[in-house]
């Protein structure tokens, strides 16, 4: 699939990966620390994975969530798997703050201006280090 944006990303900030999945820091203006955990192979649904693969993916999602909570101290976390267009199973792991672009509403609503500048500085390097410690 030559046109697949997850197989052939133009630019991603990868903060951790193994042979099965990767964690990227998403470019989502107005939101600090928004990550995606992307399954490397073309798999559409969580139920398409065998038990071992599913457990691995969910462990990574959980570690990313815990790492973001420890680093950023958000007001709330959102974890979602809503994609319909991509053939890659992926989870959004989204720290929520009172000053983000849509708080307290869902992140997919029209965005207001979010004030996230100071929190965003250095997050990719901190996530890389923490996820390497937690996941290897």
C-alpha atoms as a PDB file:
ATOM      1  CA  UNK A   1       0.000   0.000   0.000  1.00  0.00           C
ATOM      2  CA  UNK A   2       2.167   2.850  -1.282  1.00  0.00           C
ATOM      3  CA  UNK A   3      -0.283   5.587  -0.229  1.00  0.00           C
ATOM      4  CA  UNK A   4      -0.521   4.493   3.410  1.00  0.00           C
ATOM      5  CA  UNK A   5       0.461   7.431   5.618  1.00  0.00           C
ATOM      6  CA  UNK A   6       1.330   5.129   8.539  1.00  0.00           C
ATOM      7  CA  UNK A   7       3.582   2.879   6.402  1.00  0.00           C
ATOM      8  CA  UNK A   8       5.217   5.866   4.693  1.00  0.00           C
ATOM      9  CA  UNK A   9       5.006   8.823   7.085  1.00  0.00           C
ATOM     10  CA  UNK A  10       6.301  12.124   5.783  1.00  0.00           C
ATOM     11  CA  UNK A  11       7.286  13.314   9.214  1.00  0.00           C
ATOM     12  CA  UNK A  12       6.761  11.742  12.594  1.00  0.00           C
ATOM     13  CA  UNK A  13       8.316  12.296  15.971  1.00  0.00           C
ATOM     14  CA  UNK A  14       8.848   8.700  17.060  1.00  0.00           C
ATOM     15  CA  UNK A  15       9.455   8.513  20.808  1.00  0.00           C
ATOM     16  CA  UNK A  16       9.542   4.709  21.081  1.00  0.00           C
ATOM     17  CA  UNK A  17       9.124   1.674  18.843  1.00  0.00           C
ATOM     18  CA  UNK A  18       9.593  -2.046  18.567  1.00  0.00           C
ATOM     19  CA  UNK A  19       8.817  -4.504  15.761  1.00  0.00           C
ATOM     20  CA  UNK A  20       5.078  -4.489  16.513  1.00  0.00           C
ATOM     21  CA  UNK A  21       4.171  -0.891  17.288  1.00  0.00           C
ATOM     22  CA  UNK A  22       5.482   2.631  17.665  1.00  0.00           C
ATOM     23  CA  UNK A  23       4.628   5.664  19.770  1.00  0.00           C
ATOM     24  CA  UNK A  24       4.567   9.012  18.021  1.00  0.00           C
ATOM     25  CA  UNK A  25       4.188  12.493  19.437  1.00  0.00           C
ATOM     26  CA  UNK A  26       1.396  13.859  17.287  1.00  0.00           C
ATOM     27  CA  UNK A  27       1.432  17.304  15.720  1.00  0.00           C
ATOM     28  CA  UNK A  28      -1.886  18.480  17.116  1.00  0.00           C
ATOM     29  CA  UNK A  29      -1.834  22.261  17.658  1.00  0.00           C
ATOM     30  CA  UNK A  30      -3.492  23.301  20.888  1.00  0.00           C
ATOM     31  CA  UNK A  31      -2.731  20.006  22.648  1.00  0.00           C
ATOM     32  CA  UNK A  32       0.375  19.102  24.660  1.00  0.00           C
ATOM     33  CA  UNK A  33       1.660  15.543  24.648  1.00  0.00           C
ATOM     34  CA  UNK A  34      -0.915  13.993  22.297  1.00  0.00           C
ATOM     35  CA  UNK A  35       0.534  10.596  21.375  1.00  0.00           C
ATOM     36  CA  UNK A  36      -0.521   7.854  19.015  1.00  0.00           C
ATOM     37  CA  UNK A  37       0.352   4.222  19.556  1.00  0.00           C
ATOM     38  CA  UNK A  38       0.383   2.751  16.045  1.00  0.00           C
ATOM     39  CA  UNK A  39       0.384  -0.956  15.184  1.00  0.00           C
ATOM     40  CA  UNK A  40       3.074  -1.410  12.515  1.00  0.00           C
ATOM     41  CA  UNK A  41       1.192  -3.900  10.300  1.00  0.00           C
ATOM     42  CA  UNK A  42      -2.070  -3.360   8.462  1.00  0.00           C
ATOM     43  CA  UNK A  43      -4.603  -4.410  11.082  1.00  0.00           C
ATOM     44  CA  UNK A  44      -7.920  -2.604  11.293  1.00  0.00           C
ATOM     45  CA  UNK A  45      -9.452  -3.826  14.546  1.00  0.00           C
ATOM     46  CA  UNK A  46      -8.200  -4.696  18.012  1.00  0.00           C
ATOM     47  CA  UNK A  47     -10.088  -7.989  17.726  1.00  0.00           C
ATOM     48  CA  UNK A  48      -7.967  -8.881  14.665  1.00  0.00           C
ATOM     49  CA  UNK A  49      -4.911  -9.288  16.911  1.00  0.00           C
ATOM     50  CA  UNK A  50      -4.149 -12.526  18.715  1.00  0.00           C
ATOM     51  CA  UNK A  51      -4.132 -12.421  22.518  1.00  0.00           C
ATOM     52  CA  UNK A  52      -0.367 -11.938  22.860  1.00  0.00           C
ATOM     53  CA  UNK A  53      -0.253  -9.092  20.320  1.00  0.00           C
ATOM     54  CA  UNK A  54      -3.332  -7.418  21.827  1.00  0.00           C
ATOM     55  CA  UNK A  55      -1.870  -7.614  25.334  1.00  0.00           C
ATOM     56  CA  UNK A  56       1.411  -6.110  24.088  1.00  0.00           C
ATOM     57  CA  UNK A  57      -0.369  -3.220  22.371  1.00  0.00           C
ATOM     58  CA  UNK A  58      -2.539  -2.472  25.393  1.00  0.00           C
ATOM     59  CA  UNK A  59       0.517  -2.590  27.675  1.00  0.00           C
ATOM     60  CA  UNK A  60       2.202   0.018  25.492  1.00  0.00           C
ATOM     61  CA  UNK A  61      -0.935   2.201  25.536  1.00  0.00           C
ATOM     62  CA  UNK A  62      -1.071   1.915  29.330  1.00  0.00           C
ATOM     63  CA  UNK A  63       2.612   2.748  29.792  1.00  0.00           C
ATOM     64  CA  UNK A  64       2.293   5.772  27.505  1.00  0.00           C
ATOM     65  CA  UNK A  65      -0.705   6.957  29.532  1.00  0.00           C
ATOM     66  CA  UNK A  66       1.136   6.513  32.854  1.00  0.00           C
ATOM     67  CA  UNK A  67       4.248   8.217  31.458  1.00  0.00           C
ATOM     68  CA  UNK A  68       2.266  11.246  30.278  1.00  0.00           C
ATOM     69  CA  UNK A  69       0.470  11.492  33.627  1.00  0.00           C
ATOM     70  CA  UNK A  70       3.770  11.400  35.520  1.00  0.00           C
ATOM     71  CA  UNK A  71       5.474  13.922  33.251  1.00  0.00           C
ATOM     72  CA  UNK A  72       2.701  16.418  32.509  1.00  0.00           C
ATOM     73  CA  UNK A  73       0.227  16.069  35.403  1.00  0.00           C
ATOM     74  CA  UNK A  74      -2.871  16.564  33.210  1.00  0.00           C
ATOM     75  CA  UNK A  75      -6.363  17.212  34.552  1.00  0.00           C
ATOM     76  CA  UNK A  76      -7.623  14.104  32.702  1.00  0.00           C
ATOM     77  CA  UNK A  77      -6.482  11.565  30.113  1.00  0.00           C
ATOM     78  CA  UNK A  78      -8.373  10.525  26.980  1.00  0.00           C
ATOM     79  CA  UNK A  79      -7.618   7.194  25.300  1.00  0.00           C
ATOM     80  CA  UNK A  80      -9.404   6.487  22.036  1.00  0.00           C
ATOM     81  CA  UNK A  81      -9.359   4.228  19.001  1.00  0.00           C
ATOM     82  CA  UNK A  82     -11.710   5.934  16.592  1.00  0.00           C
ATOM     83  CA  UNK A  83      -9.968   5.759  13.226  1.00  0.00           C
ATOM     84  CA  UNK A  84     -12.011   4.789  10.206  1.00  0.00           C
ATOM     85  CA  UNK A  85      -9.796   5.724   7.261  1.00  0.00           C
ATOM     86  CA  UNK A  86      -6.505   4.097   8.226  1.00  0.00           C
ATOM     87  CA  UNK A  87      -5.750   0.388   7.824  1.00  0.00           C
ATOM     88  CA  UNK A  88      -3.532   0.680  10.915  1.00  0.00           C
ATOM     89  CA  UNK A  89      -4.973   0.053  14.326  1.00  0.00           C
ATOM     90  CA  UNK A  90      -3.896   2.977  16.489  1.00  0.00           C
ATOM     91  CA  UNK A  91      -4.779   4.518  19.811  1.00  0.00           C
ATOM     92  CA  UNK A  92      -4.781   8.207  20.683  1.00  0.00           C
ATOM     93  CA  UNK A  93      -3.407   8.878  24.167  1.00  0.00           C
ATOM     94  CA  UNK A  94      -4.240  12.483  24.974  1.00  0.00           C
ATOM     95  CA  UNK A  95      -3.413  14.472  28.111  1.00  0.00           C
ATOM     96  CA  UNK A  96      -6.133  17.043  28.798  1.00  0.00           C
ATOM     97  CA  UNK A  97      -5.566  20.404  30.460  1.00  0.00           C
ATOM     98  CA  UNK A  98      -7.904  23.241  31.415  1.00  0.00           C
ATOM     99  CA  UNK A  99      -6.141  25.445  28.838  1.00  0.00           C
ATOM    100  CA  UNK A 100      -6.092  23.032  25.890  1.00  0.00           C
ATOM    101  CA  UNK A 101      -7.923  23.809  22.657  1.00  0.00           C
ATOM    102  CA  UNK A 102     -11.293  22.225  23.538  1.00  0.00           C
ATOM    103  CA  UNK A 103     -11.304  21.415  27.268  1.00  0.00           C
ATOM    104  CA  UNK A 104     -13.541  20.135  28.777  1.00  0.00           C
ATOM    105  CA  UNK A 105     -15.214  19.068  25.526  1.00  0.00           C
ATOM    106  CA  UNK A 106     -13.947  16.235  23.269  1.00  0.00           C
ATOM    107  CA  UNK A 107     -10.745  16.921  21.350  1.00  0.00           C
ATOM    108  CA  UNK A 108     -12.468  16.476  17.982  1.00  0.00           C
ATOM    109  CA  UNK A 109     -14.681  19.570  18.349  1.00  0.00           C
ATOM    110  CA  UNK A 110     -13.825  22.947  16.830  1.00  0.00           C
ATOM    111  CA  UNK A 111     -10.682  24.170  18.486  1.00  0.00           C
ATOM    112  CA  UNK A 112     -10.256  27.322  20.427  1.00  0.00           C
ATOM    113  CA  UNK A 113      -6.773  28.656  20.985  1.00  0.00           C
ATOM    114  CA  UNK A 114      -4.868  26.457  23.409  1.00  0.00           C
ATOM    115  CA  UNK A 115      -2.085  27.843  25.635  1.00  0.00           C
ATOM    116  CA  UNK A 116       0.351  24.911  25.655  1.00  0.00           C
ATOM    117  CA  UNK A 117       3.749  26.444  24.896  1.00  0.00           C
ATOM    118  CA  UNK A 118       5.711  25.874  28.122  1.00  0.00           C
ATOM    119  CA  UNK A 119       4.536  22.271  28.563  1.00  0.00           C
ATOM    120  CA  UNK A 120       5.494  21.288  24.993  1.00  0.00           C
ATOM    121  CA  UNK A 121       9.192  22.144  25.363  1.00  0.00           C
ATOM    122  CA  UNK A 122      11.351  19.036  25.633  1.00  0.00           C
ATOM    123  CA  UNK A 123       8.474  16.569  25.825  1.00  0.00           C
ATOM    124  CA  UNK A 124       9.730  14.314  22.999  1.00  0.00           C
ATOM    125  CA  UNK A 125      13.097  13.779  24.703  1.00  0.00           C
ATOM    126  CA  UNK A 126      11.471  13.157  28.089  1.00  0.00           C
ATOM    127  CA  UNK A 127       9.021  10.661  26.581  1.00  0.00           C
ATOM    128  CA  UNK A 128      11.797   8.820  24.739  1.00  0.00           C
ATOM    129  CA  UNK A 129      13.783   8.388  27.944  1.00  0.00           C
ATOM    130  CA  UNK A 130      10.801   7.356  30.064  1.00  0.00           C
ATOM    131  CA  UNK A 131       9.417   4.905  27.513  1.00  0.00           C
ATOM    132  CA  UNK A 132      12.833   3.302  26.976  1.00  0.00           C
ATOM    133  CA  UNK A 133      13.057   2.786  30.754  1.00  0.00           C
ATOM    134  CA  UNK A 134       9.536   1.353  30.947  1.00  0.00           C
ATOM    135  CA  UNK A 135       9.329  -0.636  27.709  1.00  0.00           C
ATOM    136  CA  UNK A 136      12.941  -1.281  26.713  1.00  0.00           C
END
